[in-house]
Amino acid sequence: MSYQLPFSVPKTTYDEAMQILTSTKRFGIQPMLESVEDMLAELGRPEAGYDCVQIAGTNGKTSTARYTAQILMAQGMRCALYTSPELVSFTERMEVQGHPVSGDDFGLGVRAAQMAGERVNQRRQQQGQRPYDITEFDVLTVAALTVYALAGVDVAVLECGMGGRWDATSAACSIKAVAVTGIGLDHMRILGDTLEKIAGEKAAIIRRGRACVLGVGTATPDSVEDVFLEQCRKEDVVPTLVRPERLDDALGQLHPGVPREHPELAHYRYIIQQHPGRLGDALLLKLTRPDGAAVELAALKPAYQAANISCAVALAEAYLGHALSERSLYDAAVSCPTPGRFDVLVPNPLVIIDACHNPQSVQTFLGSLSQMAPRVEQRPKLLCAVLADKDVQGIVRLLTPEFPAVSVTQTSSDRALSADELAGIFRAEGAHVDGVYHTVDAAVKALHDTSFVGCGSITLAGELAGLLRRHFATPDHPERGM
């Protein structure tokens, strides 16, 4: 039976929906699920009509989610994808069959979620209870789950926004399989100040009755892996592990060390057969399943995506309960877009953006850059912007020796570090800073005939994409009317 909204929702434009979301920003981040669960109940549990697959992790979760959705679509399933943040438009956070939802569908979902929240809070007040502080991510998640039900999807791939235990996506009642890609020090004020505490928050998505895949970044250090294995034991879940055949293939791994062997657990093992030697070259990998059967896969992506592709295959097969054909996996991997991940915006002069925004993801990005352009003096210059609540010093320290020159800017985010302050940090690390721009638009105008790499924050990648794709399109990124 198709899903229908339980109450009338007025037509709402994209701009009106954005005004609704703006009004929720004052509530910040609230570590609770009750508000989202009650809103979904008010809407008649829209997500009960389809399955959900959930992915957590500090880095790699967006790419893993995209590859998982692409694989499931290749099996003929009508698939939705929920990711964050967006690069240009909020509609990018909600996809159905590989395309962002329309502005009208986005507006309908947001208005339905807002109305559900108002009805829930009105009832709570009548009962003498304190109304919920309903956050932006609460509204977006309820909106997405509602839009997917109205679109009649078979399965939705949900990327956790932050953590796992209290993430709004965890309120979905139909989660059948989960994966954790890896652990890094991020959102420490909310998730905890150690890797083990953060792992505990993400491990909470592992629950009885759900298939579970643990990615490369959960393997080390041992104390982090122990958190996940203990949660599996507690919930009577037998996890599947994704591991590289060789340590030098673990470019997506967050921490040094040698993963322990767990012969009692099923493994997907991958080996990189060909590293991309330059932009446009193919990544070739072989993935061996727990039963010993191997498939060969390819992607026009940097080598670090091997870990994410392998995790996605393991997750899709764990959810479906059977192995998939090599042909369908190959086609899905090679055709999957990964916006903002080593993303060529302009071919000449070359402009690349990457959404790396913490030391771990910066290190991964630089590993790919050094493979494709080993000589620092021949690389493009760097354009960097960083959010003030990130590990700015750690990001700058990694980036400084890897580029011949640096320009800095600041994004429109209210969390942006000022360009002047960022320039000072780069100079203190010994960088040659030859440009300081107080808006991304000013930086783009100044660098219009210059080859550069833009990275340091997701918001920088998004603003650059929005500005440059109005004038350029690449085979991977048609302008789609923007």
Protein backbone atom coordinates (compact mmCIF):
# COMPACT_ATOMS: atom_id res chain seq x y z
CA MET A 1 0.00 0.00 0.00
CA SER A 2 1.38 3.42 -0.95
CA TYR A 3 2.06 5.96 1.77
CA GLN A 4 -0.20 8.97 2.23
CA LEU A 5 0.31 11.94 4.51
CA PRO A 6 -2.04 11.74 7.50
CA PHE A 7 -2.86 15.46 7.35
CA SER A 8 -3.06 18.15 4.70
CA VAL A 9 0.21 19.95 3.92
CA PRO A 10 0.19 23.22 1.96
CA LYS A 11 2.39 23.65 -1.10
CA THR A 12 5.77 24.99 0.02
CA THR A 13 8.53 26.35 -2.20
CA TYR A 14 12.22 25.63 -1.75
CA ASP A 15 12.80 29.18 -0.45
CA GLU A 16 9.97 28.84 2.05
CA ALA A 17 11.42 25.53 3.21
CA MET A 18 14.80 27.16 3.72
CA GLN A 19 13.14 29.83 5.89
CA ILE A 20 11.66 27.04 8.03
CA LEU A 21 15.08 25.43 8.39
CA THR A 22 16.72 28.75 9.25
CA SER A 23 14.24 29.19 12.12
CA THR A 24 15.46 25.90 13.67
CA LYS A 25 19.17 26.81 13.72
CA ARG A 26 18.87 28.43 17.15
CA PHE A 27 18.40 24.99 18.70
CA GLY A 28 21.84 23.84 17.60
CA ILE A 29 22.49 20.13 18.18
CA GLN A 30 20.31 18.18 20.62
CA PRO A 31 21.50 14.67 21.58
CA MET A 32 18.12 12.94 21.66
CA LEU A 33 15.94 10.77 19.42
CA GLU A 34 12.53 11.18 21.08
CA SER A 35 11.64 14.30 19.10
CA VAL A 36 12.37 12.62 15.75
CA GLU A 37 10.60 9.41 16.78
CA ASP A 38 7.50 11.34 17.84
CA MET A 39 7.50 13.38 14.61
CA LEU A 40 7.74 10.21 12.53
CA ALA A 41 4.92 8.65 14.56
CA GLU A 42 2.82 11.77 13.93
CA LEU A 43 3.37 11.21 10.21
CA GLY A 44 2.36 7.56 10.43
CA ARG A 45 5.88 6.14 10.40
CA PRO A 46 6.57 6.77 6.69
CA GLU A 47 9.87 4.83 6.79
CA ALA A 48 8.07 1.64 7.86
CA GLY A 49 7.14 1.06 4.23
CA TYR A 50 10.73 0.59 3.03
CA ASP A 51 14.07 -0.71 4.30
CA CYS A 52 16.90 1.49 5.52
CA VAL A 53 20.67 0.97 5.41
CA GLN A 54 22.67 3.21 7.78
CA ILE A 55 26.31 4.31 7.54
CA ALA A 56 28.39 6.03 10.23
CA GLY A 57 32.04 7.06 10.35
CA THR A 58 34.32 10.06 10.62
CA ASN A 59 35.57 9.91 7.03
CA GLY A 60 34.48 7.98 3.95
CA LYS A 61 30.83 7.60 4.94
CA THR A 62 29.43 9.85 2.20
CA SER A 63 31.34 8.05 -0.56
CA THR A 64 30.44 4.66 0.92
CA ALA A 65 26.78 5.71 1.03
CA ARG A 66 26.89 6.83 -2.61
CA TYR A 67 28.49 3.59 -3.77
CA THR A 68 26.01 1.54 -1.75
CA ALA A 69 23.06 3.36 -3.30
CA GLN A 70 24.52 2.97 -6.79
CA ILE A 71 25.00 -0.78 -6.25
CA LEU A 72 21.43 -1.23 -5.00
CA MET A 73 20.04 0.72 -7.95
CA ALA A 74 22.00 -1.56 -10.27
CA GLN A 75 19.99 -4.45 -8.77
CA GLY A 76 16.77 -2.85 -9.96
CA MET A 77 15.80 -1.43 -6.58
CA ARG A 78 14.20 1.98 -6.31
CA CYS A 79 16.72 3.57 -3.99
CA ALA A 80 16.92 6.79 -1.99
CA LEU A 81 20.06 8.39 -0.60
CA TYR A 82 20.35 10.76 2.38
CA THR A 83 23.69 12.54 2.81
CA SER A 84 25.04 15.72 4.34
CA PRO A 85 26.11 18.37 3.98
CA GLU A 86 25.19 19.70 0.55
CA LEU A 87 27.64 21.36 -1.81
CA VAL A 88 25.29 23.83 -3.49
CA SER A 89 21.58 23.18 -2.79
CA PHE A 90 19.90 21.49 0.18
CA THR A 91 18.00 19.32 -2.28
CA GLU A 92 21.29 17.45 -2.84
CA ARG A 93 20.88 15.91 0.61
CA MET A 94 17.87 13.92 -0.60
CA GLU A 95 18.20 11.80 -3.72
CA VAL A 96 15.85 9.32 -5.35
CA GLN A 97 17.24 7.10 -8.10
CA GLY A 98 20.46 9.08 -8.27
CA HIS A 99 18.89 12.55 -8.64
CA PRO A 100 18.24 15.28 -6.06
CA VAL A 101 14.57 15.69 -5.25
CA SER A 102 12.74 18.64 -6.76
CA GLY A 103 12.37 21.91 -4.91
CA ASP A 104 8.63 21.26 -4.55
CA ASP A 105 9.17 17.77 -3.06
CA PHE A 106 11.82 19.17 -0.73
CA GLY A 107 9.41 21.91 0.35
CA LEU A 108 6.61 19.41 0.93
CA GLY A 109 8.83 17.22 3.10
CA VAL A 110 10.14 20.11 5.20
CA ARG A 111 6.66 21.57 5.73
CA ALA A 112 5.27 18.14 6.68
CA ALA A 113 8.10 17.67 9.20
CA GLN A 114 7.57 21.16 10.62
CA MET A 115 3.83 20.57 11.01
CA ALA A 116 4.45 17.19 12.64
CA GLY A 117 6.78 18.85 15.13
CA GLU A 118 4.23 21.57 15.90
CA ARG A 119 1.50 18.97 16.49
CA VAL A 120 3.78 16.93 18.76
CA ASN A 121 4.79 19.99 20.79
CA GLN A 122 1.21 21.24 21.05
CA ARG A 123 0.19 17.90 22.54
CA ARG A 124 3.17 17.91 24.92
CA GLN A 125 2.22 21.37 26.18
CA GLN A 126 -1.38 20.26 26.69
CA GLN A 127 -0.03 17.40 28.80
CA GLY A 128 2.14 19.75 30.85
CA GLN A 129 5.39 18.58 29.23
CA ARG A 130 8.20 20.77 27.93
CA PRO A 131 8.11 21.14 24.12
CA TYR A 132 11.00 19.68 22.14
CA ASP A 133 13.75 21.88 20.72
CA ILE A 134 13.46 20.55 17.17
CA THR A 135 16.71 21.06 15.28
CA GLU A 136 17.47 21.63 11.62
CA PHE A 137 18.79 18.08 11.20
CA ASP A 138 15.68 16.68 12.92
CA VAL A 139 13.45 18.45 10.39
CA LEU A 140 15.63 17.46 7.43
CA THR A 141 15.74 13.80 8.44
CA VAL A 142 11.99 13.53 9.01
CA ALA A 143 11.44 15.39 5.74
CA ALA A 144 13.70 13.00 3.84
CA LEU A 145 12.09 9.86 5.28
CA THR A 146 8.67 11.27 4.36
CA VAL A 147 9.68 12.26 0.81
CA TYR A 148 11.12 8.79 0.23
CA ALA A 149 7.85 7.17 1.32
CA LEU A 150 5.86 9.40 -1.02
CA ALA A 151 8.30 8.48 -3.82
CA GLY A 152 7.66 4.77 -3.23
CA VAL A 153 11.28 3.71 -2.70
CA ASP A 154 12.30 0.15 -1.83
CA VAL A 155 15.31 1.10 0.28
CA ALA A 156 16.96 4.27 1.61
CA VAL A 157 20.69 4.58 2.30
CA LEU A 158 21.11 6.91 5.29
CA GLU A 159 24.37 8.63 6.15
CA CYS A 160 24.64 9.62 9.82
CA GLY A 161 25.16 13.34 10.21
CA MET A 162 27.18 13.01 13.41
CA GLY A 163 27.97 10.10 15.69
CA GLY A 164 25.32 7.41 15.64
CA ARG A 165 23.71 6.91 19.03
CA TRP A 166 21.77 10.18 18.96
CA ASP A 167 21.86 10.84 15.23
CA ALA A 168 18.40 11.60 13.82
CA THR A 169 18.75 8.81 11.23
CA SER A 170 18.85 6.31 14.11
CA ALA A 171 15.16 7.04 14.77
CA ALA A 172 14.22 5.13 11.60
CA CYS A 173 12.38 1.94 12.55
CA SER A 174 13.32 -0.11 9.48
CA ILE A 175 17.14 -0.23 9.54
CA LYS A 176 18.25 -3.65 8.25
CA ALA A 177 22.02 -3.23 7.82
CA VAL A 178 24.69 -0.85 9.12
CA ALA A 179 28.32 -0.02 8.41
CA VAL A 180 30.98 2.04 10.16
CA THR A 181 33.77 3.26 7.88
CA GLY A 182 36.27 4.54 10.47
CA ILE A 183 36.92 6.69 13.51
CA GLY A 184 38.71 10.01 13.85
CA LEU A 185 38.78 12.91 16.30
CA ASP A 186 35.89 15.07 15.15
CA HIS A 187 32.94 16.82 16.86
CA MET A 188 34.80 16.17 20.11
CA ARG A 189 32.67 18.56 22.18
CA ILE A 190 29.65 16.38 21.43
CA LEU A 191 30.95 12.85 20.81
CA GLY A 192 33.86 12.71 23.26
CA ASP A 193 37.53 13.61 23.41
CA THR A 194 39.06 10.19 22.70
CA LEU A 195 38.88 7.79 19.78
CA GLU A 196 37.33 5.18 22.06
CA LYS A 197 34.52 7.49 23.22
CA ILE A 198 33.75 8.51 19.64
CA ALA A 199 33.81 4.85 18.59
CA GLY A 200 31.28 4.11 21.30
CA GLU A 201 28.88 6.72 19.93
CA LYS A 202 29.15 5.34 16.39
CA ALA A 203 29.04 1.69 17.50
CA ALA A 204 25.58 2.31 18.98
CA ILE A 205 24.03 1.83 15.52
CA ILE A 206 25.01 -1.86 15.75
CA ARG A 207 21.87 -3.52 17.09
CA ARG A 208 20.37 -6.97 17.32
CA GLY A 209 18.88 -8.17 14.04
CA ARG A 210 20.91 -5.86 11.81
CA ALA A 211 23.67 -6.96 9.46
CA CYS A 212 26.93 -5.15 10.29
CA VAL A 213 30.02 -4.26 8.27
CA LEU A 214 33.13 -2.77 9.88
CA GLY A 215 35.31 -0.80 7.47
CA VAL A 216 39.06 -0.39 7.27
CA GLY A 217 39.15 2.60 9.61
CA THR A 218 37.69 0.61 12.51
CA ALA A 219 40.60 -1.86 12.61
CA THR A 220 43.19 0.21 14.50
CA PRO A 221 44.10 0.99 17.16
CA ASP A 222 43.10 -2.23 18.92
CA SER A 223 41.24 -0.29 21.61
CA VAL A 224 38.93 1.21 18.97
CA GLU A 225 38.27 -2.12 17.28
CA ASP A 226 37.51 -3.60 20.70
CA VAL A 227 34.69 -1.07 21.16
CA PHE A 228 32.99 -2.28 17.99
CA LEU A 229 33.55 -5.98 18.65
CA GLU A 230 32.19 -5.62 22.18
CA GLN A 231 29.06 -3.87 20.89
CA CYS A 232 28.60 -6.72 18.40
CA ARG A 233 28.91 -9.30 21.18
CA LYS A 234 26.47 -7.38 23.34
CA GLU A 235 23.89 -7.25 20.54
CA ASP A 236 24.53 -10.81 19.31
CA VAL A 237 25.65 -9.51 15.90
CA VAL A 238 28.38 -11.23 13.88
CA PRO A 239 30.15 -8.49 11.91
CA THR A 240 31.76 -8.70 8.50
CA LEU A 241 35.18 -7.02 8.25
CA VAL A 242 36.61 -5.11 5.28
CA ARG A 243 40.40 -5.18 5.19
CA PRO A 244 43.17 -4.53 2.64
CA GLU A 245 45.37 -7.39 1.46
CA ARG A 246 48.39 -5.09 1.90
CA LEU A 247 48.82 -2.30 4.42
CA ASP A 248 50.01 0.10 1.73
CA ASP A 249 46.59 -0.25 0.09
CA ALA A 250 44.85 1.06 3.22
CA LEU A 251 44.91 4.69 2.06
CA GLY A 252 41.59 5.32 3.76
CA GLN A 253 42.82 3.97 7.09
CA LEU A 254 42.80 6.62 9.79
CA HIS A 255 45.41 5.29 12.17
CA PRO A 256 48.77 3.55 11.84
CA GLY A 257 49.19 0.00 13.03
CA VAL A 258 48.68 -3.54 11.87
CA PRO A 259 45.10 -4.82 12.04
CA ARG A 260 44.61 -7.98 14.06
CA GLU A 261 43.51 -11.16 12.36
CA HIS A 262 40.07 -12.46 13.29
CA PRO A 263 39.84 -15.85 11.58
CA GLU A 264 36.47 -16.50 13.18
CA LEU A 265 34.91 -13.54 11.31
CA ALA A 266 34.03 -13.14 7.62
CA HIS A 267 36.33 -10.84 5.65
CA TYR A 268 36.10 -8.92 2.40
CA ARG A 269 39.71 -8.31 1.32
CA TYR A 270 40.73 -5.90 -1.41
CA ILE A 271 43.96 -5.26 -3.26
CA ILE A 272 44.70 -2.34 -5.57
CA GLN A 273 45.87 -3.69 -8.91
CA GLN A 274 46.42 -0.29 -10.54
CA HIS A 275 46.83 3.08 -8.90
CA PRO A 276 45.73 6.09 -10.97
CA GLY A 277 48.98 7.68 -12.12
CA ARG A 278 47.42 10.98 -13.09
CA LEU A 279 44.05 12.68 -13.22
CA GLY A 280 41.68 10.70 -15.41
CA ASP A 281 43.44 7.36 -14.93
CA ALA A 282 41.47 4.41 -13.59
CA LEU A 283 41.71 2.80 -10.18
CA LEU A 284 41.56 -1.00 -10.55
CA LEU A 285 41.00 -3.27 -7.58
CA LYS A 286 40.22 -6.89 -6.83
CA LEU A 287 37.80 -7.68 -4.03
CA THR A 288 37.73 -11.17 -2.54
CA ARG A 289 34.59 -12.26 -0.70
CA PRO A 290 34.53 -14.41 2.46
CA ASP A 291 33.88 -17.51 0.32
CA GLY A 292 37.04 -16.86 -1.74
CA ALA A 293 35.24 -15.65 -4.88
CA ALA A 294 36.84 -12.55 -6.36
CA VAL A 295 35.49 -9.66 -8.44
CA GLU A 296 37.43 -6.98 -10.28
CA LEU A 297 36.22 -3.41 -10.03
CA ALA A 298 37.23 -0.05 -11.50
CA ALA A 299 36.61 3.61 -10.76
CA LEU A 300 37.84 6.90 -12.19
CA LYS A 301 38.73 7.95 -8.66
CA PRO A 302 41.76 8.24 -6.35
CA ALA A 303 43.07 5.09 -4.69
CA TYR A 304 41.57 5.91 -1.28
CA GLN A 305 38.13 5.12 -2.71
CA ALA A 306 39.11 1.43 -2.85
CA ALA A 307 38.28 1.09 0.86
CA ASN A 308 34.91 2.85 0.42
CA ILE A 309 33.94 0.83 -2.67
CA SER A 310 34.82 -2.41 -0.88
CA CYS A 311 32.82 -1.39 2.19
CA ALA A 312 29.82 -0.54 -0.01
CA VAL A 313 29.94 -3.92 -1.77
CA ALA A 314 30.12 -5.74 1.56
CA LEU A 315 27.23 -3.67 2.95
CA ALA A 316 25.00 -4.11 -0.11
CA GLU A 317 25.57 -7.85 -0.14
CA ALA A 318 25.02 -8.10 3.63
CA TYR A 319 21.71 -6.25 3.27
CA LEU A 320 20.55 -8.32 0.30
CA GLY A 321 21.82 -11.57 1.77
CA HIS A 322 23.56 -12.80 -1.36
CA ALA A 323 26.50 -12.11 -3.66
CA LEU A 324 26.00 -9.80 -6.64
CA SER A 325 27.21 -10.26 -10.19
CA GLU A 326 30.60 -8.90 -11.16
CA ARG A 327 29.09 -7.06 -14.13
CA SER A 328 26.55 -5.11 -12.05
CA LEU A 329 29.14 -4.27 -9.38
CA TYR A 330 31.64 -3.11 -11.99
CA ASP A 331 29.09 -0.89 -13.73
CA ALA A 332 27.92 0.61 -10.42
CA ALA A 333 31.44 1.38 -9.19
CA VAL A 334 32.68 2.93 -12.42
CA SER A 335 29.60 5.13 -12.88
CA CYS A 336 29.14 6.38 -9.30
CA PRO A 337 29.58 10.15 -8.85
CA THR A 338 31.33 11.44 -5.72
CA PRO A 339 30.77 15.22 -5.70
CA GLY A 340 33.35 17.13 -3.69
CA ARG A 341 35.77 14.22 -3.44
CA PHE A 342 38.89 14.88 -5.54
CA ASP A 343 36.47 16.62 -7.87
CA VAL A 344 37.69 18.28 -11.09
CA LEU A 345 35.57 21.42 -11.49
CA VAL A 346 37.51 23.01 -14.36
CA PRO A 347 39.85 21.08 -16.66
CA ASN A 348 41.90 24.06 -17.89
CA PRO A 349 43.30 25.78 -15.97
CA LEU A 350 42.87 22.84 -13.62
CA VAL A 351 40.68 23.45 -10.56
CA ILE A 352 40.16 20.58 -8.12
CA ILE A 353 38.07 20.66 -4.96
CA ASP A 354 38.04 18.22 -2.10
CA ALA A 355 35.79 18.32 0.94
CA CYS A 356 38.53 17.17 3.32
CA HIS A 357 37.96 19.03 6.59
CA ASN A 358 39.98 17.32 9.33
CA PRO A 359 43.55 16.02 9.56
CA GLN A 360 42.56 12.45 8.69
CA SER A 361 40.70 13.35 5.50
CA VAL A 362 43.40 15.90 4.56
CA GLN A 363 46.02 13.18 4.89
CA THR A 364 43.98 10.88 2.65
CA PHE A 365 43.57 13.62 0.04
CA LEU A 366 47.29 14.44 0.09
CA GLY A 367 48.14 10.77 -0.36
CA SER A 368 46.20 10.76 -3.63
CA LEU A 369 47.64 14.11 -4.72
CA SER A 370 51.23 12.91 -4.19
CA GLN A 371 50.59 9.83 -6.30
CA MET A 372 49.29 11.90 -9.20
CA ALA A 373 51.66 14.87 -8.82
CA PRO A 374 54.74 13.76 -6.84
CA ARG A 375 56.71 17.03 -7.23
CA VAL A 376 55.43 19.76 -4.94
CA GLU A 377 56.81 22.59 -7.09
CA GLN A 378 54.74 21.38 -10.06
CA ARG A 379 51.45 21.23 -8.20
CA PRO A 380 48.71 23.88 -8.41
CA LYS A 381 48.55 26.45 -5.66
CA LEU A 382 46.30 25.88 -2.64
CA LEU A 383 43.15 27.84 -1.84
CA CYS A 384 42.14 27.06 1.74
CA ALA A 385 39.29 27.91 4.10
CA VAL A 386 38.70 26.21 7.44
CA LEU A 387 35.92 26.22 10.03
CA ALA A 388 36.97 27.55 13.41
CA ASP A 389 35.67 24.54 15.34
CA LYS A 390 37.93 22.09 13.47
CA ASP A 391 41.54 21.13 14.18
CA VAL A 392 42.85 24.15 12.28
CA GLN A 393 46.46 23.73 13.37
CA GLY A 394 46.47 20.07 12.36
CA ILE A 395 44.99 20.85 8.93
CA VAL A 396 47.40 23.72 8.25
CA ARG A 397 50.44 21.74 9.40
CA LEU A 398 49.65 18.98 6.90
CA LEU A 399 48.85 21.28 3.97
CA THR A 400 51.72 23.77 4.28
CA PRO A 401 54.61 21.64 2.91
CA GLU A 402 52.49 20.16 0.11
CA PHE A 403 51.90 23.25 -2.04
CA PRO A 404 54.21 25.80 -3.66
CA ALA A 405 51.97 28.71 -2.66
CA VAL A 406 48.87 29.29 -0.57
CA SER A 407 45.89 31.61 -0.83
CA VAL A 408 43.34 31.76 1.96
CA THR A 409 39.70 32.76 2.11
CA GLN A 410 36.70 32.38 4.36
CA THR A 411 33.29 30.94 3.56
CA SER A 412 29.89 32.38 4.39
CA SER A 413 29.44 29.87 7.24
CA ASP A 414 28.96 31.45 10.65
CA ARG A 415 31.58 28.93 11.86
CA ALA A 416 34.22 30.11 9.37
CA LEU A 417 37.67 31.07 10.61
CA SER A 418 38.58 34.54 9.36
CA ALA A 419 40.88 34.68 6.35
CA ASP A 420 43.30 36.94 8.22
CA GLU A 421 43.60 34.55 11.14
CA LEU A 422 44.03 31.56 8.82
CA ALA A 423 46.75 33.40 6.88
CA GLY A 424 48.61 34.01 10.15
CA ILE A 425 48.49 30.32 11.05
CA PHE A 426 49.81 29.33 7.62
CA ARG A 427 52.64 31.89 7.83
CA ALA A 428 53.58 30.62 11.29
CA GLU A 429 54.00 27.17 9.72
CA GLY A 430 56.30 28.61 7.05
CA ALA A 431 53.84 28.77 4.14
CA HIS A 432 54.19 31.28 1.31
CA VAL A 433 50.81 33.06 1.52
CA ASP A 434 50.32 35.16 -1.60
CA GLY A 435 46.63 35.98 -1.36
CA VAL A 436 44.09 36.74 1.40
CA TYR A 437 40.46 36.99 0.28
CA HIS A 438 37.55 37.67 2.60
CA THR A 439 34.95 35.91 0.43
CA VAL A 440 35.12 32.86 -1.82
CA ASP A 441 33.70 34.95 -4.66
CA ALA A 442 36.62 37.39 -4.34
CA ALA A 443 39.08 34.47 -4.36
CA VAL A 444 37.54 32.96 -7.51
CA LYS A 445 37.70 36.31 -9.33
CA ALA A 446 41.34 36.80 -8.33
CA LEU A 447 42.31 33.25 -9.36
CA HIS A 448 40.20 33.06 -12.53
CA ASP A 449 43.16 32.18 -14.76
CA THR A 450 45.09 30.15 -12.15
CA SER A 451 45.23 26.44 -11.51
CA PHE A 452 44.42 25.68 -7.87
CA VAL A 453 43.25 23.09 -5.36
CA GLY A 454 40.44 24.18 -3.06
CA CYS A 455 40.16 22.30 0.24
CA GLY A 456 40.01 22.63 4.02
CA SER A 457 36.25 22.64 4.61
CA ILE A 458 33.10 21.21 3.09
CA THR A 459 31.63 24.69 2.86
CA LEU A 460 34.56 25.87 0.71
CA ALA A 461 34.06 22.93 -1.66
CA GLY A 462 30.37 23.78 -1.87
CA GLU A 463 30.82 27.49 -2.53
CA LEU A 464 33.48 26.82 -5.18
CA ALA A 465 31.24 24.25 -6.85
CA GLY A 466 28.33 26.68 -6.89
CA LEU A 467 30.40 29.50 -8.37
CA LEU A 468 32.38 27.54 -10.95
CA ARG A 469 29.73 25.13 -12.21
CA ARG A 470 27.67 28.03 -13.45
CA HIS A 471 30.34 28.51 -16.11
CA PHE A 472 31.83 25.05 -16.56
CA ALA A 473 30.56 21.49 -16.74
CA THR A 474 32.50 18.23 -16.72
CA PRO A 475 31.33 14.77 -17.86
CA ASP A 476 30.84 13.76 -14.20
CA HIS A 477 28.99 16.97 -13.35
CA PRO A 478 26.47 18.27 -15.88
CA GLU A 479 25.12 21.58 -14.69
CA ARG A 480 21.62 20.17 -14.13
CA GLY A 481 20.04 23.57 -14.59
CA MET A 482 21.97 25.28 -11.82
